Amino acid sequence: MAACKSADLRLPVSETLSWYQSSESVQRGFCSRCGGDLFWKAAPGVETYVTVGTLGRPAGLRLSEHIYVGSKSDFYDLTDCFRNTSGSIRQSAALESVSHQDP
């Protein structure tokens, strides 16, 4: 996921975009044609989180850290230099490069 200010989010096409109130504090955006998961945002909130696999290439994004590694499957080996944390989505948006740390 990548975060952007909701006011800055521009969609070239949005006819099939639908929003669903998945909980009291979260809304999820999805394609009403294929069911693809596209966005989520806290309500109230000023940021929308975008599923980066839905962006065209080049997206211009770079990883900054791994999150929720405490619940990763045993077949994932995280051998890069990004920080591992069991922290929140907000932490994943940090644009810093630090040494690899074990979970």
N, C-alpha and C. Protein backbone atom coordinates (compact mmCIF):
# COMPACT_ATOMS: atom_id res chain seq x y z
N MET A 1 0.84 -1.18 0.00
CA MET A 1 0.00 0.00 0.00
C MET A 1 0.88 1.24 0.00
N ALA A 2 0.37 2.26 -0.60
CA ALA A 2 1.02 3.56 -0.57
C ALA A 2 -0.03 4.59 -0.18
N ALA A 3 0.37 5.58 0.58
CA ALA A 3 -0.57 6.59 1.07
C ALA A 3 -0.46 7.87 0.26
N CYS A 4 -1.59 8.54 0.11
CA CYS A 4 -1.60 9.89 -0.47
C CYS A 4 -2.71 10.67 0.22
N LYS A 5 -2.62 11.98 0.15
CA LYS A 5 -3.69 12.81 0.69
C LYS A 5 -4.94 12.57 -0.15
N SER A 6 -6.04 12.33 0.52
CA SER A 6 -7.29 12.05 -0.19
C SER A 6 -7.65 13.16 -1.17
N ALA A 7 -7.38 14.41 -0.80
CA ALA A 7 -7.69 15.54 -1.67
C ALA A 7 -6.84 15.54 -2.94
N ASP A 8 -5.69 14.86 -2.91
CA ASP A 8 -4.79 14.83 -4.07
C ASP A 8 -5.01 13.63 -4.97
N LEU A 9 -5.86 12.70 -4.57
CA LEU A 9 -6.10 11.49 -5.36
C LEU A 9 -6.89 11.83 -6.61
N ARG A 10 -6.33 11.52 -7.77
CA ARG A 10 -6.98 11.78 -9.06
C ARG A 10 -7.12 10.47 -9.80
N LEU A 11 -8.33 10.16 -10.23
CA LEU A 11 -8.60 8.93 -10.97
C LEU A 11 -9.01 9.26 -12.38
N PRO A 12 -8.32 8.71 -13.39
CA PRO A 12 -8.70 9.01 -14.77
C PRO A 12 -10.07 8.44 -15.13
N VAL A 13 -10.44 7.34 -14.49
CA VAL A 13 -11.74 6.69 -14.72
C VAL A 13 -12.25 6.22 -13.36
N SER A 14 -13.52 6.50 -13.07
CA SER A 14 -14.04 6.08 -11.77
C SER A 14 -15.47 5.55 -11.83
N GLU A 15 -15.93 5.21 -13.03
CA GLU A 15 -17.31 4.75 -13.17
C GLU A 15 -17.59 3.48 -12.37
N THR A 16 -16.61 2.61 -12.20
CA THR A 16 -16.84 1.36 -11.49
C THR A 16 -16.31 1.38 -10.05
N LEU A 17 -15.86 2.55 -9.58
CA LEU A 17 -15.37 2.65 -8.20
C LEU A 17 -16.55 2.72 -7.25
N SER A 18 -16.55 1.84 -6.25
CA SER A 18 -17.56 1.84 -5.20
C SER A 18 -16.87 1.85 -3.85
N TRP A 19 -17.48 2.50 -2.89
CA TRP A 19 -16.95 2.57 -1.53
C TRP A 19 -17.85 1.77 -0.61
N TYR A 20 -17.24 1.06 0.32
CA TYR A 20 -17.94 0.21 1.26
C TYR A 20 -17.47 0.55 2.67
N GLN A 21 -18.40 0.79 3.58
CA GLN A 21 -18.07 1.07 4.98
C GLN A 21 -17.84 -0.27 5.66
N SER A 22 -16.58 -0.72 5.73
CA SER A 22 -16.28 -2.06 6.25
C SER A 22 -16.28 -2.12 7.78
N SER A 23 -16.14 -0.99 8.43
CA SER A 23 -16.24 -0.92 9.89
C SER A 23 -16.63 0.51 10.24
N GLU A 24 -16.78 0.77 11.51
CA GLU A 24 -17.18 2.11 11.93
C GLU A 24 -16.16 3.17 11.50
N SER A 25 -14.88 2.78 11.40
CA SER A 25 -13.85 3.77 11.14
C SER A 25 -13.09 3.58 9.83
N VAL A 26 -13.50 2.63 8.99
CA VAL A 26 -12.76 2.37 7.74
C VAL A 26 -13.71 2.23 6.56
N GLN A 27 -13.33 2.88 5.45
CA GLN A 27 -14.02 2.72 4.18
C GLN A 27 -13.07 2.05 3.20
N ARG A 28 -13.60 1.18 2.36
CA ARG A 28 -12.79 0.48 1.37
C ARG A 28 -13.34 0.77 -0.02
N GLY A 29 -12.42 1.05 -0.94
CA GLY A 29 -12.79 1.30 -2.33
C GLY A 29 -12.48 0.08 -3.17
N PHE A 30 -13.40 -0.30 -4.03
CA PHE A 30 -13.20 -1.48 -4.86
C PHE A 30 -13.85 -1.27 -6.22
N CYS A 31 -13.48 -2.10 -7.17
CA CYS A 31 -14.07 -2.07 -8.50
C CYS A 31 -15.38 -2.85 -8.47
N SER A 32 -16.48 -2.21 -8.80
CA SER A 32 -17.77 -2.89 -8.76
C SER A 32 -17.95 -3.87 -9.91
N ARG A 33 -17.05 -3.85 -10.89
CA ARG A 33 -17.13 -4.79 -12.00
C ARG A 33 -16.39 -6.10 -11.67
N CYS A 34 -15.15 -6.00 -11.20
CA CYS A 34 -14.35 -7.21 -10.97
C CYS A 34 -14.17 -7.54 -9.48
N GLY A 35 -14.49 -6.60 -8.59
CA GLY A 35 -14.33 -6.83 -7.16
C GLY A 35 -12.94 -6.53 -6.64
N GLY A 36 -12.06 -5.99 -7.50
CA GLY A 36 -10.69 -5.69 -7.10
C GLY A 36 -10.62 -4.69 -5.96
N ASP A 37 -9.78 -4.99 -4.97
CA ASP A 37 -9.54 -4.13 -3.82
C ASP A 37 -8.59 -3.02 -4.24
N LEU A 38 -9.02 -1.77 -4.18
CA LEU A 38 -8.22 -0.66 -4.69
C LEU A 38 -7.71 0.28 -3.61
N PHE A 39 -8.54 0.64 -2.64
CA PHE A 39 -8.21 1.67 -1.66
C PHE A 39 -8.77 1.32 -0.30
N TRP A 40 -8.25 1.99 0.71
CA TRP A 40 -8.92 2.06 2.01
C TRP A 40 -8.57 3.39 2.63
N LYS A 41 -9.47 3.89 3.47
CA LYS A 41 -9.20 5.13 4.19
C LYS A 41 -9.93 5.12 5.52
N ALA A 42 -9.29 5.74 6.50
CA ALA A 42 -9.91 5.89 7.81
C ALA A 42 -10.96 6.99 7.71
N ALA A 43 -12.03 6.82 8.45
CA ALA A 43 -13.08 7.83 8.46
C ALA A 43 -13.32 8.25 9.91
N PRO A 44 -13.01 9.45 10.33
CA PRO A 44 -12.47 10.51 9.49
C PRO A 44 -10.97 10.34 9.27
N GLY A 45 -10.48 10.91 8.21
CA GLY A 45 -9.06 10.84 7.90
C GLY A 45 -8.76 11.68 6.68
N VAL A 46 -7.49 11.95 6.46
CA VAL A 46 -7.10 12.79 5.33
C VAL A 46 -6.27 12.03 4.30
N GLU A 47 -5.97 10.75 4.57
CA GLU A 47 -5.16 9.96 3.66
C GLU A 47 -5.97 8.79 3.10
N THR A 48 -5.67 8.44 1.85
CA THR A 48 -6.21 7.25 1.23
C THR A 48 -5.04 6.34 0.91
N TYR A 49 -5.18 5.06 1.22
CA TYR A 49 -4.14 4.08 0.95
C TYR A 49 -4.50 3.34 -0.33
N VAL A 50 -3.56 3.31 -1.26
CA VAL A 50 -3.76 2.76 -2.59
C VAL A 50 -3.05 1.42 -2.70
N THR A 51 -3.73 0.42 -3.24
CA THR A 51 -3.10 -0.87 -3.52
C THR A 51 -2.15 -0.66 -4.69
N VAL A 52 -0.85 -0.70 -4.44
CA VAL A 52 0.13 -0.30 -5.44
C VAL A 52 0.17 -1.23 -6.66
N GLY A 53 -0.27 -2.46 -6.52
CA GLY A 53 -0.31 -3.36 -7.66
C GLY A 53 -1.31 -2.94 -8.72
N THR A 54 -2.16 -1.98 -8.40
CA THR A 54 -3.14 -1.50 -9.37
C THR A 54 -2.64 -0.29 -10.15
N LEU A 55 -1.48 0.23 -9.79
CA LEU A 55 -0.94 1.41 -10.47
C LEU A 55 -0.22 1.02 -11.76
N GLY A 56 -0.27 1.90 -12.74
CA GLY A 56 0.48 1.68 -13.97
C GLY A 56 1.97 1.82 -13.73
N ARG A 57 2.74 1.32 -14.67
CA ARG A 57 4.20 1.39 -14.57
C ARG A 57 4.72 2.53 -15.43
N PRO A 58 5.73 3.22 -15.03
CA PRO A 58 6.41 3.11 -13.74
C PRO A 58 5.62 3.83 -12.66
N ALA A 59 5.50 3.22 -11.51
CA ALA A 59 4.75 3.81 -10.39
C ALA A 59 5.57 4.86 -9.67
N GLY A 60 6.90 4.76 -9.73
CA GLY A 60 7.76 5.72 -9.07
C GLY A 60 7.84 5.53 -7.57
N LEU A 61 7.49 4.35 -7.09
CA LEU A 61 7.51 4.07 -5.65
C LEU A 61 8.67 3.16 -5.30
N ARG A 62 9.15 3.25 -4.06
CA ARG A 62 10.20 2.38 -3.56
C ARG A 62 9.81 1.90 -2.17
N LEU A 63 10.15 0.66 -1.85
CA LEU A 63 9.89 0.13 -0.51
C LEU A 63 10.68 0.92 0.52
N SER A 64 10.10 1.04 1.71
CA SER A 64 10.82 1.70 2.79
C SER A 64 10.99 0.78 3.99
N GLU A 65 10.04 -0.14 4.22
CA GLU A 65 10.17 -1.10 5.30
C GLU A 65 9.11 -2.18 5.16
N HIS A 66 9.30 -3.28 5.88
CA HIS A 66 8.33 -4.36 5.93
C HIS A 66 7.51 -4.19 7.20
N ILE A 67 6.20 -4.43 7.10
CA ILE A 67 5.36 -4.32 8.29
C ILE A 67 4.70 -5.66 8.57
N TYR A 68 4.29 -5.84 9.79
CA TYR A 68 3.58 -7.04 10.25
C TYR A 68 4.38 -8.31 9.99
N VAL A 69 5.69 -8.26 10.16
CA VAL A 69 6.52 -9.44 9.92
C VAL A 69 6.33 -10.51 10.98
N GLY A 70 5.78 -10.16 12.12
CA GLY A 70 5.53 -11.14 13.16
C GLY A 70 4.50 -12.18 12.75
N SER A 71 3.69 -11.86 11.73
CA SER A 71 2.67 -12.81 11.28
C SER A 71 2.95 -13.35 9.88
N LYS A 72 4.17 -13.15 9.39
CA LYS A 72 4.50 -13.64 8.04
C LYS A 72 4.62 -15.16 8.06
N SER A 73 4.41 -15.77 6.91
CA SER A 73 4.56 -17.22 6.79
C SER A 73 6.03 -17.61 6.81
N ASP A 74 6.30 -18.86 7.16
CA ASP A 74 7.69 -19.31 7.27
C ASP A 74 8.40 -19.43 5.93
N PHE A 75 7.68 -19.37 4.82
CA PHE A 75 8.34 -19.46 3.52
C PHE A 75 8.81 -18.11 3.00
N TYR A 76 8.56 -17.02 3.74
CA TYR A 76 9.07 -15.71 3.37
C TYR A 76 10.42 -15.49 4.04
N ASP A 77 11.44 -15.21 3.25
CA ASP A 77 12.74 -14.82 3.77
C ASP A 77 12.96 -13.36 3.45
N LEU A 78 13.04 -12.54 4.45
CA LEU A 78 13.27 -11.11 4.26
C LEU A 78 14.75 -10.85 4.43
N THR A 79 15.46 -10.77 3.33
CA THR A 79 16.92 -10.66 3.38
C THR A 79 17.43 -9.31 2.88
N ASP A 80 16.53 -8.36 2.67
CA ASP A 80 16.98 -7.06 2.19
C ASP A 80 17.33 -6.16 3.37
N CYS A 81 17.59 -4.90 3.08
CA CYS A 81 18.08 -3.99 4.12
C CYS A 81 16.98 -3.19 4.78
N PHE A 82 15.71 -3.50 4.51
CA PHE A 82 14.63 -2.71 5.08
C PHE A 82 14.32 -3.12 6.51
N ARG A 83 13.89 -2.15 7.29
CA ARG A 83 13.51 -2.39 8.67
C ARG A 83 12.30 -3.31 8.71
N ASN A 84 12.28 -4.21 9.67
CA ASN A 84 11.14 -5.09 9.90
C ASN A 84 10.43 -4.64 11.16
N THR A 85 9.14 -4.48 11.08
CA THR A 85 8.38 -4.01 12.23
C THR A 85 7.02 -4.69 12.27
N SER A 86 6.47 -4.76 13.42
CA SER A 86 5.10 -5.24 13.54
C SER A 86 4.18 -4.04 13.74
N GLY A 87 4.63 -2.88 13.30
CA GLY A 87 3.95 -1.62 13.52
C GLY A 87 2.76 -1.36 12.62
N SER A 88 2.36 -0.12 12.57
CA SER A 88 1.14 0.28 11.90
C SER A 88 1.39 0.63 10.44
N ILE A 89 0.31 0.84 9.69
CA ILE A 89 0.40 1.25 8.29
C ILE A 89 1.14 2.58 8.18
N ARG A 90 0.91 3.49 9.11
CA ARG A 90 1.57 4.79 9.05
C ARG A 90 3.08 4.61 9.03
N GLN A 91 3.61 3.67 9.81
CA GLN A 91 5.06 3.44 9.82
C GLN A 91 5.55 2.99 8.45
N SER A 92 4.73 2.27 7.69
CA SER A 92 5.18 1.77 6.40
C SER A 92 5.39 2.88 5.39
N ALA A 93 4.81 4.04 5.64
CA ALA A 93 4.94 5.15 4.71
C ALA A 93 6.22 5.96 4.94
N ALA A 94 6.98 5.62 5.98
CA ALA A 94 8.21 6.34 6.27
C ALA A 94 9.19 6.18 5.11
N LEU A 95 9.80 7.25 4.71
CA LEU A 95 10.74 7.21 3.59
C LEU A 95 12.16 7.26 4.11
N GLU A 96 12.55 6.24 4.82
CA GLU A 96 13.90 6.19 5.34
C GLU A 96 14.47 4.81 5.11
N SER A 97 15.75 4.74 4.95
CA SER A 97 16.41 3.46 4.76
C SER A 97 17.28 3.20 5.97
N VAL A 98 17.06 2.08 6.63
CA VAL A 98 17.84 1.75 7.82
C VAL A 98 18.32 0.31 7.72
N SER A 99 19.19 -0.08 8.60
CA SER A 99 19.73 -1.43 8.59
C SER A 99 18.65 -2.45 8.89
N HIS A 100 18.83 -3.64 8.33
CA HIS A 100 17.91 -4.77 8.58
C HIS A 100 17.94 -5.13 10.04
N GLN A 101 16.75 -5.30 10.64
CA GLN A 101 16.64 -5.71 12.03
C GLN A 101 15.75 -6.94 12.08
N ASP A 102 16.08 -7.87 12.94
CA ASP A 102 15.22 -9.04 13.11
C ASP A 102 13.95 -8.65 13.81
N PRO A 103 12.83 -9.34 13.48
CA PRO A 103 11.54 -9.00 14.11
C PRO A 103 11.56 -9.25 15.60
